[in-house]
Amino acid sequence: MNTWFGVVAPRGTPQPMIALLNREIHAALDDATVRERLQEGGLEPLKETPAQFTERMKRDHERYRDIVKAAGLKPE
């Protein structure tokens, strides 16, 4: 099982704002100091497009939905 962290925006956020956030996050991940710090914490930085990240969330939702349901897990 993998754990990931990502940035999401409210539904209806204008596409130019999404693109700006994506560019700025990618720029931060290109910074050697940021990458080093993340890697020191055991994290592997990934640079995905908003569409790729959306697909990642959908795949993981499908993958773990039945496990969560069978275990009776509830959000807290």
N, C-alpha and C. Protein backbone atom coordinates (compact mmCIF):
# COMPACT_ATOMS: atom_id res chain seq x y z
N MET A 1 0.85 -1.16 0.00
CA MET A 1 0.00 0.00 0.00
C MET A 1 0.90 1.23 0.00
N ASN A 2 0.54 2.19 -0.81
CA ASN A 2 1.27 3.45 -0.87
C ASN A 2 0.44 4.56 -0.25
N THR A 3 1.13 5.51 0.29
CA THR A 3 0.48 6.72 0.79
C THR A 3 0.96 7.87 -0.06
N TRP A 4 0.05 8.77 -0.40
CA TRP A 4 0.46 9.94 -1.17
C TRP A 4 -0.20 11.17 -0.59
N PHE A 5 0.38 12.29 -0.89
CA PHE A 5 -0.15 13.59 -0.49
C PHE A 5 -0.34 14.40 -1.76
N GLY A 6 -1.37 15.16 -1.82
CA GLY A 6 -1.62 15.98 -3.00
C GLY A 6 -2.36 17.25 -2.62
N VAL A 7 -2.44 18.13 -3.57
CA VAL A 7 -3.14 19.40 -3.38
C VAL A 7 -4.40 19.35 -4.24
N VAL A 8 -5.54 19.66 -3.63
CA VAL A 8 -6.80 19.70 -4.34
C VAL A 8 -7.42 21.09 -4.17
N ALA A 9 -8.31 21.42 -5.08
CA ALA A 9 -9.00 22.71 -5.04
C ALA A 9 -10.49 22.44 -5.10
N PRO A 10 -11.29 23.39 -4.66
CA PRO A 10 -12.74 23.20 -4.71
C PRO A 10 -13.23 23.04 -6.15
N ARG A 11 -14.29 22.25 -6.30
CA ARG A 11 -14.94 22.10 -7.61
C ARG A 11 -15.30 23.49 -8.12
N GLY A 12 -15.09 23.70 -9.40
CA GLY A 12 -15.42 24.98 -10.00
C GLY A 12 -14.28 25.98 -9.99
N THR A 13 -13.12 25.60 -9.42
CA THR A 13 -11.97 26.50 -9.45
C THR A 13 -11.61 26.74 -10.92
N PRO A 14 -11.43 27.99 -11.31
CA PRO A 14 -11.11 28.28 -12.72
C PRO A 14 -9.85 27.54 -13.19
N GLN A 15 -9.92 27.03 -14.41
CA GLN A 15 -8.80 26.26 -14.98
C GLN A 15 -7.48 27.04 -14.97
N PRO A 16 -7.48 28.35 -15.26
CA PRO A 16 -6.20 29.07 -15.19
C PRO A 16 -5.57 29.04 -13.78
N MET A 17 -6.41 29.03 -12.75
CA MET A 17 -5.89 28.96 -11.38
C MET A 17 -5.31 27.57 -11.12
N ILE A 18 -5.98 26.54 -11.60
CA ILE A 18 -5.46 25.17 -11.45
C ILE A 18 -4.11 25.05 -12.15
N ALA A 19 -4.01 25.59 -13.35
CA ALA A 19 -2.76 25.54 -14.10
C ALA A 19 -1.65 26.29 -13.37
N LEU A 20 -1.98 27.44 -12.81
CA LEU A 20 -0.99 28.22 -12.06
C LEU A 20 -0.51 27.45 -10.83
N LEU A 21 -1.43 26.88 -10.08
CA LEU A 21 -1.04 26.10 -8.91
C LEU A 21 -0.14 24.93 -9.31
N ASN A 22 -0.51 24.25 -10.39
CA ASN A 22 0.28 23.11 -10.85
C ASN A 22 1.70 23.54 -11.23
N ARG A 23 1.82 24.66 -11.96
CA ARG A 23 3.15 25.16 -12.35
C ARG A 23 3.98 25.50 -11.13
N GLU A 24 3.36 26.17 -10.15
CA GLU A 24 4.11 26.59 -8.96
C GLU A 24 4.53 25.40 -8.10
N ILE A 25 3.66 24.42 -7.99
CA ILE A 25 4.02 23.22 -7.22
C ILE A 25 5.15 22.48 -7.92
N HIS A 26 5.07 22.36 -9.24
CA HIS A 26 6.15 21.70 -9.98
C HIS A 26 7.45 22.47 -9.85
N ALA A 27 7.38 23.78 -9.86
CA ALA A 27 8.58 24.60 -9.69
C ALA A 27 9.21 24.34 -8.32
N ALA A 28 8.37 24.23 -7.30
CA ALA A 28 8.89 23.94 -5.96
C ALA A 28 9.55 22.56 -5.93
N LEU A 29 8.93 21.60 -6.60
CA LEU A 29 9.49 20.24 -6.62
C LEU A 29 10.77 20.16 -7.45
N ASP A 30 11.01 21.14 -8.31
CA ASP A 30 12.25 21.19 -9.08
C ASP A 30 13.41 21.75 -8.24
N ASP A 31 13.09 22.38 -7.13
CA ASP A 31 14.11 22.97 -6.26
C ASP A 31 14.86 21.84 -5.54
N ALA A 32 16.17 21.83 -5.68
CA ALA A 32 17.00 20.75 -5.11
C ALA A 32 16.82 20.63 -3.60
N THR A 33 16.70 21.75 -2.89
CA THR A 33 16.55 21.71 -1.44
C THR A 33 15.21 21.09 -1.05
N VAL A 34 14.17 21.45 -1.76
CA VAL A 34 12.84 20.88 -1.47
C VAL A 34 12.87 19.38 -1.72
N ARG A 35 13.42 18.97 -2.86
CA ARG A 35 13.47 17.53 -3.19
C ARG A 35 14.28 16.77 -2.13
N GLU A 36 15.40 17.36 -1.73
CA GLU A 36 16.24 16.71 -0.73
C GLU A 36 15.50 16.54 0.59
N ARG A 37 14.81 17.58 1.01
CA ARG A 37 14.05 17.51 2.27
C ARG A 37 12.95 16.45 2.21
N LEU A 38 12.25 16.42 1.10
CA LEU A 38 11.19 15.41 0.94
C LEU A 38 11.78 14.00 0.97
N GLN A 39 12.89 13.82 0.27
CA GLN A 39 13.52 12.51 0.23
C GLN A 39 14.08 12.11 1.59
N GLU A 40 14.58 13.08 2.35
CA GLU A 40 15.05 12.78 3.72
C GLU A 40 13.91 12.26 4.57
N GLY A 41 12.70 12.72 4.29
CA GLY A 41 11.53 12.26 5.02
C GLY A 41 10.93 10.99 4.45
N GLY A 42 11.62 10.38 3.49
CA GLY A 42 11.15 9.14 2.91
C GLY A 42 10.08 9.32 1.84
N LEU A 43 9.96 10.53 1.32
CA LEU A 43 8.95 10.82 0.30
C LEU A 43 9.58 10.89 -1.08
N GLU A 44 8.86 10.41 -2.05
CA GLU A 44 9.30 10.46 -3.44
C GLU A 44 8.41 11.46 -4.18
N PRO A 45 8.95 12.64 -4.47
CA PRO A 45 8.13 13.65 -5.15
C PRO A 45 7.75 13.22 -6.56
N LEU A 46 6.47 13.36 -6.88
CA LEU A 46 5.97 13.08 -8.22
C LEU A 46 5.39 14.35 -8.79
N LYS A 47 5.65 14.58 -10.04
CA LYS A 47 5.07 15.74 -10.73
C LYS A 47 4.05 15.20 -11.72
N GLU A 48 2.78 15.37 -11.37
CA GLU A 48 1.70 14.90 -12.22
C GLU A 48 0.88 16.09 -12.71
N THR A 49 0.22 15.90 -13.82
CA THR A 49 -0.73 16.90 -14.29
C THR A 49 -1.99 16.78 -13.45
N PRO A 50 -2.84 17.79 -13.46
CA PRO A 50 -4.11 17.66 -12.74
C PRO A 50 -4.91 16.44 -13.20
N ALA A 51 -4.90 16.15 -14.49
CA ALA A 51 -5.63 14.98 -15.00
C ALA A 51 -5.03 13.69 -14.47
N GLN A 52 -3.72 13.60 -14.41
CA GLN A 52 -3.07 12.40 -13.89
C GLN A 52 -3.39 12.21 -12.41
N PHE A 53 -3.39 13.30 -11.65
CA PHE A 53 -3.69 13.20 -10.22
C PHE A 53 -5.15 12.80 -10.01
N THR A 54 -6.05 13.34 -10.83
CA THR A 54 -7.47 12.95 -10.75
C THR A 54 -7.61 11.45 -10.99
N GLU A 55 -6.92 10.94 -11.98
CA GLU A 55 -6.97 9.51 -12.26
C GLU A 55 -6.40 8.69 -11.12
N ARG A 56 -5.33 9.17 -10.50
CA ARG A 56 -4.74 8.48 -9.34
C ARG A 56 -5.77 8.37 -8.22
N MET A 57 -6.47 9.48 -7.94
CA MET A 57 -7.47 9.46 -6.87
C MET A 57 -8.61 8.49 -7.22
N LYS A 58 -9.05 8.48 -8.46
CA LYS A 58 -10.13 7.57 -8.88
C LYS A 58 -9.69 6.11 -8.75
N ARG A 59 -8.48 5.81 -9.22
CA ARG A 59 -7.98 4.42 -9.14
C ARG A 59 -7.89 3.96 -7.69
N ASP A 60 -7.35 4.82 -6.82
CA ASP A 60 -7.22 4.43 -5.42
C ASP A 60 -8.58 4.29 -4.76
N HIS A 61 -9.52 5.15 -5.11
CA HIS A 61 -10.87 5.03 -4.55
C HIS A 61 -11.46 3.68 -4.93
N GLU A 62 -11.36 3.31 -6.17
CA GLU A 62 -11.87 2.02 -6.63
C GLU A 62 -11.14 0.86 -5.94
N ARG A 63 -9.84 0.99 -5.83
CA ARG A 63 -9.01 -0.09 -5.27
C ARG A 63 -9.34 -0.35 -3.80
N TYR A 64 -9.57 0.69 -3.03
CA TYR A 64 -9.71 0.52 -1.58
C TYR A 64 -11.14 0.61 -1.07
N ARG A 65 -12.10 0.93 -1.93
CA ARG A 65 -13.49 1.09 -1.50
C ARG A 65 -14.01 -0.15 -0.80
N ASP A 66 -13.84 -1.31 -1.39
CA ASP A 66 -14.38 -2.54 -0.80
C ASP A 66 -13.67 -2.90 0.50
N ILE A 67 -12.38 -2.64 0.57
CA ILE A 67 -11.62 -2.92 1.79
C ILE A 67 -12.14 -2.05 2.93
N VAL A 68 -12.32 -0.79 2.66
CA VAL A 68 -12.81 0.15 3.67
C VAL A 68 -14.20 -0.25 4.14
N LYS A 69 -15.05 -0.60 3.19
CA LYS A 69 -16.42 -1.01 3.52
C LYS A 69 -16.43 -2.28 4.37
N ALA A 70 -15.65 -3.30 3.96
CA ALA A 70 -15.61 -4.57 4.69
C ALA A 70 -15.07 -4.38 6.09
N ALA A 71 -14.14 -3.46 6.27
CA ALA A 71 -13.55 -3.21 7.59
C ALA A 71 -14.44 -2.31 8.45
N GLY A 72 -15.46 -1.73 7.85
CA GLY A 72 -16.36 -0.86 8.61
C GLY A 72 -15.71 0.46 9.00
N LEU A 73 -14.72 0.91 8.22
CA LEU A 73 -14.04 2.16 8.53
C LEU A 73 -14.92 3.34 8.23
N LYS A 74 -14.86 4.35 9.07
CA LYS A 74 -15.63 5.57 8.90
C LYS A 74 -14.70 6.78 9.04
N PRO A 75 -14.94 7.84 8.28
CA PRO A 75 -14.12 9.05 8.45
C PRO A 75 -14.35 9.66 9.83
N GLU A 76 -13.31 10.22 10.37
CA GLU A 76 -13.41 10.87 11.69
C GLU A 76 -13.09 12.33 11.55
